[in-house]
């Protein structure tokens, strides 16, 4: 459970559940699971195309959505990538993008488990 805390902030998940119930939480998770991979792919595409604007915009969006769901590791990495892209420092962002791919997969697994929970 300790690793889950690092990947997924349970207080954020519980807050969403309290705000709108399990159905609302599931809807938020579904939106993230639908759009999150697209944003991650856009970051990777921007990196390979040396498009700092695309990386910046996509990282900003992923930062926000991951943060809303309590995905603190993904949120933090996206924030760092966003800042580096804003400064045109894509080379420095490359290792962070690799770490984010792994963190995103871990977050997705935790959110899928959370999605299937009943309150």
C-alpha atoms as a PDB file:
ATOM      1  CA  UNK A   1       0.000   0.000   0.000  1.00  0.00           C
ATOM      2  CA  UNK A   2       2.923   2.343   0.560  1.00  0.00           C
ATOM      3  CA  UNK A   3       3.804   2.342  -3.169  1.00  0.00           C
ATOM      4  CA  UNK A   4       0.186   3.121  -4.010  1.00  0.00           C
ATOM      5  CA  UNK A   5       0.375   6.213  -1.841  1.00  0.00           C
ATOM      6  CA  UNK A   6       3.331   7.487  -3.846  1.00  0.00           C
ATOM      7  CA  UNK A   7       1.573   6.954  -7.166  1.00  0.00           C
ATOM      8  CA  UNK A   8      -1.970   7.838  -6.149  1.00  0.00           C
ATOM      9  CA  UNK A   9      -2.957  10.245  -3.397  1.00  0.00           C
ATOM     10  CA  UNK A  10      -5.900   8.517  -1.730  1.00  0.00           C
ATOM     11  CA  UNK A  11      -7.116  11.753  -0.162  1.00  0.00           C
ATOM     12  CA  UNK A  12      -7.719  13.248  -3.616  1.00  0.00           C
ATOM     13  CA  UNK A  13      -9.628  10.151  -4.704  1.00  0.00           C
ATOM     14  CA  UNK A  14     -11.686  10.189  -1.517  1.00  0.00           C
ATOM     15  CA  UNK A  15     -12.372  13.891  -2.012  1.00  0.00           C
ATOM     16  CA  UNK A  16     -13.761  13.278  -5.495  1.00  0.00           C
ATOM     17  CA  UNK A  17     -15.829  10.396  -4.161  1.00  0.00           C
ATOM     18  CA  UNK A  18     -17.251  12.622  -1.405  1.00  0.00           C
ATOM     19  CA  UNK A  19     -17.877  15.414  -3.897  1.00  0.00           C
ATOM     20  CA  UNK A  20     -19.933  13.409  -6.363  1.00  0.00           C
ATOM     21  CA  UNK A  21     -20.106   9.794  -5.280  1.00  0.00           C
ATOM     22  CA  UNK A  22     -18.582   6.698  -6.844  1.00  0.00           C
ATOM     23  CA  UNK A  23     -20.299   7.387 -10.185  1.00  0.00           C
ATOM     24  CA  UNK A  24     -18.640  10.813 -10.417  1.00  0.00           C
ATOM     25  CA  UNK A  25     -15.264   9.335  -9.487  1.00  0.00           C
ATOM     26  CA  UNK A  26     -15.643   6.654 -12.144  1.00  0.00           C
ATOM     27  CA  UNK A  27     -16.535   9.309 -14.718  1.00  0.00           C
ATOM     28  CA  UNK A  28     -13.430  11.336 -13.824  1.00  0.00           C
ATOM     29  CA  UNK A  29     -11.235   8.242 -14.003  1.00  0.00           C
ATOM     30  CA  UNK A  30     -12.765   7.264 -17.353  1.00  0.00           C
ATOM     31  CA  UNK A  31     -12.017  10.713 -18.766  1.00  0.00           C
ATOM     32  CA  UNK A  32      -8.430  10.472 -17.582  1.00  0.00           C
ATOM     33  CA  UNK A  33      -8.020   6.954 -18.964  1.00  0.00           C
ATOM     34  CA  UNK A  34      -9.447   8.109 -22.298  1.00  0.00           C
ATOM     35  CA  UNK A  35      -7.534  11.367 -22.700  1.00  0.00           C
ATOM     36  CA  UNK A  36      -4.401  10.809 -20.608  1.00  0.00           C
ATOM     37  CA  UNK A  37      -2.745   8.410 -23.055  1.00  0.00           C
ATOM     38  CA  UNK A  38      -3.372  10.884 -25.875  1.00  0.00           C
ATOM     39  CA  UNK A  39      -1.664  13.636 -23.912  1.00  0.00           C
ATOM     40  CA  UNK A  40       1.263  11.376 -23.087  1.00  0.00           C
ATOM     41  CA  UNK A  41       1.581  10.424 -26.763  1.00  0.00           C
ATOM     42  CA  UNK A  42       1.487  14.121 -27.702  1.00  0.00           C
ATOM     43  CA  UNK A  43       4.363  14.786 -25.288  1.00  0.00           C
ATOM     44  CA  UNK A  44       6.359  11.948 -26.814  1.00  0.00           C
ATOM     45  CA  UNK A  45       5.543  13.140 -30.323  1.00  0.00           C
ATOM     46  CA  UNK A  46       6.541  16.681 -29.433  1.00  0.00           C
ATOM     47  CA  UNK A  47       9.819  15.394 -28.058  1.00  0.00           C
ATOM     48  CA  UNK A  48      10.629  13.431 -31.210  1.00  0.00           C
ATOM     49  CA  UNK A  49       9.635  16.393 -33.410  1.00  0.00           C
ATOM     50  CA  UNK A  50      11.491  18.905 -31.198  1.00  0.00           C
ATOM     51  CA  UNK A  51       8.212  20.796 -30.767  1.00  0.00           C
ATOM     52  CA  UNK A  52       8.525  22.532 -27.408  1.00  0.00           C
ATOM     53  CA  UNK A  53       5.096  24.148 -27.782  1.00  0.00           C
ATOM     54  CA  UNK A  54       3.376  20.770 -28.164  1.00  0.00           C
ATOM     55  CA  UNK A  55       5.332  19.331 -25.245  1.00  0.00           C
ATOM     56  CA  UNK A  56       4.521  22.339 -23.068  1.00  0.00           C
ATOM     57  CA  UNK A  57       0.803  22.343 -23.888  1.00  0.00           C
ATOM     58  CA  UNK A  58       0.402  18.580 -23.487  1.00  0.00           C
ATOM     59  CA  UNK A  59       2.389  18.438 -20.241  1.00  0.00           C
ATOM     60  CA  UNK A  60       0.311  21.296 -18.831  1.00  0.00           C
ATOM     61  CA  UNK A  61      -2.908  19.462 -19.610  1.00  0.00           C
ATOM     62  CA  UNK A  62      -1.660  16.142 -18.230  1.00  0.00           C
ATOM     63  CA  UNK A  63      -0.391  17.890 -15.091  1.00  0.00           C
ATOM     64  CA  UNK A  64      -3.833  19.264 -14.379  1.00  0.00           C
ATOM     65  CA  UNK A  65      -5.815  16.105 -15.002  1.00  0.00           C
ATOM     66  CA  UNK A  66      -3.387  13.873 -13.094  1.00  0.00           C
ATOM     67  CA  UNK A  67      -3.395  16.327 -10.217  1.00  0.00           C
ATOM     68  CA  UNK A  68      -7.187  16.359 -10.013  1.00  0.00           C
ATOM     69  CA  UNK A  69      -7.157  12.596  -9.546  1.00  0.00           C
ATOM     70  CA  UNK A  70      -4.285  12.530  -7.085  1.00  0.00           C
ATOM     71  CA  UNK A  71      -1.631  11.272  -9.501  1.00  0.00           C
ATOM     72  CA  UNK A  72       1.128  13.184  -7.741  1.00  0.00           C
ATOM     73  CA  UNK A  73       4.104  11.537  -9.433  1.00  0.00           C
ATOM     74  CA  UNK A  74       2.706  12.115 -12.925  1.00  0.00           C
ATOM     75  CA  UNK A  75       1.650  15.624 -11.920  1.00  0.00           C
ATOM     76  CA  UNK A  76       5.132  16.467 -10.652  1.00  0.00           C
ATOM     77  CA  UNK A  77       6.906  15.069 -13.692  1.00  0.00           C
ATOM     78  CA  UNK A  78       4.502  16.861 -16.035  1.00  0.00           C
ATOM     79  CA  UNK A  79       5.150  20.103 -14.171  1.00  0.00           C
ATOM     80  CA  UNK A  80       8.908  19.707 -14.598  1.00  0.00           C
ATOM     81  CA  UNK A  81       8.527  18.806 -18.281  1.00  0.00           C
ATOM     82  CA  UNK A  82       6.213  21.767 -18.817  1.00  0.00           C
ATOM     83  CA  UNK A  83       8.754  24.171 -17.308  1.00  0.00           C
ATOM     84  CA  UNK A  84      11.640  22.744 -19.328  1.00  0.00           C
ATOM     85  CA  UNK A  85       9.605  22.900 -22.539  1.00  0.00           C
ATOM     86  CA  UNK A  86       8.690  26.518 -21.797  1.00  0.00           C
ATOM     87  CA  UNK A  87      12.421  27.242 -21.660  1.00  0.00           C
ATOM     88  CA  UNK A  88      13.088  25.188 -24.821  1.00  0.00           C
ATOM     89  CA  UNK A  89      15.129  22.648 -22.850  1.00  0.00           C
ATOM     90  CA  UNK A  90      13.738  19.476 -24.421  1.00  0.00           C
ATOM     91  CA  UNK A  91      17.017  17.577 -24.052  1.00  0.00           C
ATOM     92  CA  UNK A  92      16.782  17.940 -20.290  1.00  0.00           C
ATOM     93  CA  UNK A  93      13.139  16.854 -20.381  1.00  0.00           C
ATOM     94  CA  UNK A  94      13.853  13.580 -22.203  1.00  0.00           C
ATOM     95  CA  UNK A  95      14.699  11.469 -19.117  1.00  0.00           C
ATOM     96  CA  UNK A  96      11.669  12.899 -17.318  1.00  0.00           C
ATOM     97  CA  UNK A  97       9.410  11.833 -20.172  1.00  0.00           C
ATOM     98  CA  UNK A  98      10.796   8.292 -19.885  1.00  0.00           C
ATOM     99  CA  UNK A  99      10.057   8.314 -16.149  1.00  0.00           C
ATOM    100  CA  UNK A 100       6.588   9.679 -16.814  1.00  0.00           C
ATOM    101  CA  UNK A 101       5.731   6.774 -19.118  1.00  0.00           C
ATOM    102  CA  UNK A 102       6.411   4.355 -16.263  1.00  0.00           C
ATOM    103  CA  UNK A 103       4.635   6.537 -13.693  1.00  0.00           C
ATOM    104  CA  UNK A 104       1.650   6.917 -16.003  1.00  0.00           C
ATOM    105  CA  UNK A 105       1.330   3.139 -16.406  1.00  0.00           C
ATOM    106  CA  UNK A 106       1.466   2.721 -12.625  1.00  0.00           C
ATOM    107  CA  UNK A 107      -1.130   5.449 -12.127  1.00  0.00           C
ATOM    108  CA  UNK A 108      -3.392   3.885 -14.750  1.00  0.00           C
ATOM    109  CA  UNK A 109      -3.260   0.541 -12.919  1.00  0.00           C
ATOM    110  CA  UNK A 110      -4.118   2.173  -9.588  1.00  0.00           C
ATOM    111  CA  UNK A 111      -6.964   4.164 -11.123  1.00  0.00           C
ATOM    112  CA  UNK A 112      -8.385   1.080 -12.806  1.00  0.00           C
ATOM    113  CA  UNK A 113      -8.419  -0.674  -9.421  1.00  0.00           C
ATOM    114  CA  UNK A 114      -9.987   2.399  -7.823  1.00  0.00           C
ATOM    115  CA  UNK A 115     -12.570   2.500 -10.604  1.00  0.00           C
ATOM    116  CA  UNK A 116     -13.730  -1.002  -9.834  1.00  0.00           C
ATOM    117  CA  UNK A 117     -14.123  -0.315  -6.088  1.00  0.00           C
ATOM    118  CA  UNK A 118     -17.561   0.081  -4.657  1.00  0.00           C
ATOM    119  CA  UNK A 119     -18.184   2.611  -1.958  1.00  0.00           C
END
